[in-house]
Protein backbone atom coordinates (compact mmCIF):
# COMPACT_ATOMS: atom_id res chain seq x y z
CA MET A 1 0.01 0.00 -0.02
CA GLY A 2 1.55 3.32 -1.09
CA LEU A 3 1.50 6.54 0.78
CA THR A 4 -0.51 9.33 -0.74
CA ALA A 5 -0.09 12.98 0.08
CA GLY A 6 -2.98 14.47 1.94
CA PRO A 7 -4.76 17.56 0.79
CA GLU A 8 -2.87 20.87 1.04
CA PRO A 9 -3.68 22.56 4.34
CA GLU A 10 -5.94 25.59 4.32
CA PRO A 11 -4.16 28.89 3.74
CA LEU A 12 -3.31 31.10 6.67
CA VAL A 13 -5.21 34.38 6.36
CA ALA A 14 -3.84 37.40 8.21
CA ALA A 15 -4.82 41.07 8.37
CA THR A 16 -2.58 44.00 8.93
CA THR A 17 -3.56 47.62 9.54
CA GLY A 18 -0.67 49.40 7.92
CA ALA A 19 2.71 49.20 6.28
CA GLU A 20 4.58 48.77 9.60
CA GLU A 21 2.38 45.85 10.58
CA THR A 22 2.87 44.25 7.16
CA ARG A 23 6.67 44.59 7.72
CA ALA A 24 6.31 43.10 11.17
CA LEU A 25 4.44 40.06 9.84
CA ALA A 26 7.19 39.58 7.24
CA ARG A 27 9.88 39.94 9.88
CA ALA A 28 8.15 37.23 11.86
CA ILE A 29 8.26 34.82 8.89
CA ALA A 30 11.94 35.49 7.85
CA PRO A 31 13.61 33.48 10.66
CA LEU A 32 11.68 30.40 9.58
CA CYS A 33 13.32 30.34 6.17
CA ALA A 34 16.19 28.15 5.07
CA PRO A 35 18.58 28.40 2.18
CA GLY A 36 16.78 27.33 -1.02
CA ASP A 37 13.47 28.73 0.02
CA ILE A 38 11.48 30.77 -2.54
CA LEU A 39 8.60 33.01 -1.44
CA LEU A 40 6.19 34.01 -4.17
CA LEU A 41 4.71 37.43 -3.52
CA ALA A 42 1.49 38.14 -5.29
CA GLY A 43 -1.02 40.98 -5.41
CA ASP A 44 -2.05 43.99 -7.45
CA LEU A 45 0.09 47.15 -7.93
CA GLY A 46 0.41 48.85 -4.58
CA ALA A 47 -0.69 45.77 -2.59
CA GLY A 48 2.46 45.84 -0.41
CA LYS A 49 4.81 43.34 -1.99
CA THR A 50 7.82 45.60 -1.60
CA THR A 51 6.74 46.61 1.87
CA PHE A 52 6.62 42.85 2.77
CA ALA A 53 10.10 42.44 1.26
CA GLN A 54 11.40 45.29 3.41
CA GLY A 55 10.15 43.66 6.59
CA PHE A 56 11.38 40.27 5.50
CA GLY A 57 14.89 41.65 4.83
CA GLY A 58 14.87 43.29 8.29
CA GLY A 59 14.01 39.91 9.78
CA LEU A 60 17.14 38.50 8.09
CA GLY A 61 19.29 41.33 9.58
CA ILE A 62 19.59 43.31 6.36
CA THR A 63 20.01 46.97 7.20
CA GLU A 64 20.33 48.57 3.77
CA PRO A 65 17.20 49.92 2.11
CA ILE A 66 15.25 47.33 0.12
CA THR A 67 13.67 48.76 -2.96
CA SER A 68 11.63 47.33 -5.77
CA PRO A 69 13.79 45.53 -8.34
CA THR A 70 11.36 46.34 -11.18
CA PHE A 71 13.95 47.60 -13.66
CA THR A 72 16.92 45.51 -12.47
CA LEU A 73 14.87 42.29 -12.22
CA VAL A 74 16.96 40.84 -9.30
CA ARG A 75 18.71 42.59 -6.40
CA GLN A 76 21.02 40.74 -4.00
CA TYR A 77 21.40 41.67 -0.37
CA PRO A 78 23.96 40.09 1.95
CA VAL A 79 22.22 38.77 5.03
CA GLY A 80 23.21 40.14 8.45
CA ILE A 81 23.78 38.22 11.65
CA ALA A 82 20.04 37.77 12.41
CA ALA A 83 19.72 34.64 10.24
CA PRO A 84 22.27 32.14 11.57
CA GLY A 85 20.09 29.07 11.04
CA ASP A 86 19.82 26.63 13.92
CA GLY A 87 23.07 24.80 13.28
CA GLU A 88 21.90 21.24 13.17
CA HIS A 89 18.74 21.40 11.04
CA ARG A 90 18.84 24.72 9.18
CA PRO A 91 22.05 26.18 7.78
CA ALA A 92 22.61 29.89 7.60
CA ILE A 93 21.19 32.07 4.88
CA HIS A 94 23.88 34.20 3.25
CA THR A 95 21.92 36.14 0.62
CA LEU A 96 18.45 37.53 -0.02
CA LEU A 97 17.50 37.55 -3.68
CA HIS A 98 14.68 40.00 -4.38
CA ALA A 99 13.22 39.55 -7.89
CA ASP A 100 10.45 41.28 -9.78
CA VAL A 101 9.11 39.39 -12.81
CA TYR A 102 6.46 41.94 -13.78
CA ARG A 103 8.24 43.02 -16.95
CA LEU A 104 9.06 39.52 -18.20
CA ASP A 105 7.03 38.22 -21.10
CA ASN A 106 7.10 34.47 -20.64
CA LEU A 107 7.99 31.62 -18.31
CA GLN A 108 11.24 30.93 -20.17
CA GLU A 109 12.50 34.40 -19.22
CA ILE A 110 11.66 33.61 -15.58
CA ALA A 111 13.48 30.31 -15.83
CA ASP A 112 16.48 32.10 -17.40
CA LEU A 113 16.89 34.22 -14.26
CA GLY A 114 18.19 31.08 -12.60
CA LEU A 115 16.61 31.82 -9.22
CA GLY A 116 16.18 28.06 -8.50
CA GLU A 117 19.93 27.59 -8.91
CA LEU A 118 20.90 30.79 -7.08
CA VAL A 119 19.01 29.85 -3.95
CA GLU A 120 20.91 26.59 -3.74
CA ASP A 121 24.01 28.55 -2.81
CA GLY A 122 22.83 29.70 0.63
CA ALA A 123 20.19 32.17 -0.54
CA VAL A 124 16.44 32.67 -0.07
CA ALA A 125 14.42 34.43 -2.80
CA LEU A 126 11.42 36.74 -2.73
CA VAL A 127 9.72 36.96 -6.14
CA GLU A 128 7.29 39.87 -6.73
CA TRP A 129 4.50 38.98 -9.11
CA GLY A 130 5.23 35.44 -7.99
CA ASP A 131 1.88 34.16 -9.20
CA VAL A 132 3.24 34.54 -12.73
CA ALA A 133 6.42 32.61 -11.75
CA GLU A 134 4.52 29.86 -9.93
CA PRO A 135 4.63 27.30 -12.82
CA VAL A 136 8.44 27.62 -12.86
CA LEU A 137 9.28 28.27 -9.20
CA GLY A 138 6.28 27.17 -7.23
CA ASP A 139 7.18 23.62 -6.25
CA GLY A 140 7.80 23.72 -2.45
CA SER A 141 7.44 27.47 -2.28
CA LEU A 142 5.56 29.68 0.13
CA THR A 143 3.03 31.94 -1.56
CA VAL A 144 2.12 35.26 0.09
CA HIS A 145 -0.81 37.05 -1.55
CA LEU A 146 -1.38 40.63 -0.45
CA ALA A 147 -4.61 42.53 -1.12
CA ALA A 148 -6.00 45.91 -0.02
CA THR A 149 -9.20 45.35 1.80
CA GLY A 150 -11.04 48.09 -0.05
CA ASP A 151 -12.48 49.70 3.06
CA ASP A 152 -9.12 51.26 4.12
CA ASP A 153 -6.06 51.99 1.98
CA ASP A 154 -3.69 50.86 4.79
CA ARG A 155 -5.30 47.52 5.68
CA ARG A 156 -4.08 44.38 3.92
CA LEU A 157 -5.42 40.90 3.80
CA ILE A 158 -2.45 38.52 3.56
CA THR A 159 -3.07 34.91 2.46
CA ILE A 160 -0.15 32.54 3.06
CA THR A 161 -0.21 29.20 1.25
CA THR A 162 2.32 26.40 1.71
CA SER A 163 2.89 24.16 -1.28
CA GLY A 164 4.47 20.88 -0.31
CA GLY A 165 8.18 20.62 0.34
CA SER A 166 9.80 21.63 3.54
CA TRP A 167 7.16 24.23 4.37
CA GLN A 168 4.80 21.42 5.43
CA GLY A 169 7.10 20.56 8.35
CA ARG A 170 7.45 24.21 9.25
CA ARG A 171 3.75 25.03 9.04
CA PRO A 172 3.17 24.90 12.84
CA ALA A 173 6.03 27.35 13.40
CA LEU A 174 4.72 29.53 10.57
CA ARG A 175 1.27 29.59 12.13
CA ALA A 176 2.71 30.49 15.49
CA ALA A 177 4.81 33.28 13.96
CA VAL A 178 1.80 35.00 12.34
CA GLU A 179 -0.77 34.08 15.02
CA GLN A 180 -1.37 37.64 16.21
CA TRP A 181 -2.45 38.71 12.70
CA LEU A 182 -4.63 35.67 11.80
CA VAL A 183 -8.23 36.22 10.93
CA ALA A 184 -10.76 33.79 12.37
CA ARG A 185 -12.11 31.47 9.71
C-alpha cells in the first residue's frame, strides 16, 4: 500500500492595519526560512509586495534599504547576523535575492533568471509577481498574496499558502509566527 499525500492545508489568512504591521508580519516569517526557499509574493500594484520584502529583509538582519527591483529584475542583499540558522537542522542564509518578474514576457525568461539555482548557494528568494512565476518556481514554495481590503487603503489581507516541500514541516512554526495577525475562519 503506497503513501498518498494528503490535501494541502488551508491557507493562513492574516490582516494588517498598515505598512509597519505588514513589515512586522514579514519579519516574523523570515527566521523560519532556510537556504533554498522561494517566497512568491502576489497581489495588485500597490498591494504591499515591496513593503513585505522590506520587513522580511529586516528579519534577516539586512540593514540597507530594500527597494523594488522592477527595472533590475533581481537585487542581491547580503544577510546580516540575524539569520544564523539553527546549526543542526537549518544552515545559515547568506543572501536575500529580491526579484520582480512583472516586466518579463514568458515563463522561459523567468526560468532564465536562474533563481532556482541561485538559492541553492545559501540564498532565499522573494519573487514579486510570484503568481506569474509559480509554474516555474512554485514547487515547495511559500506563496504570500497581499490585497488591499477596499475599506481602508492601509489595511491588507495577507493569504499565506504552503505548497508541499519543507514548508509542510514548518507550518506549525509559521502559524505560530503569524498568530497575532490571523483572521478567524
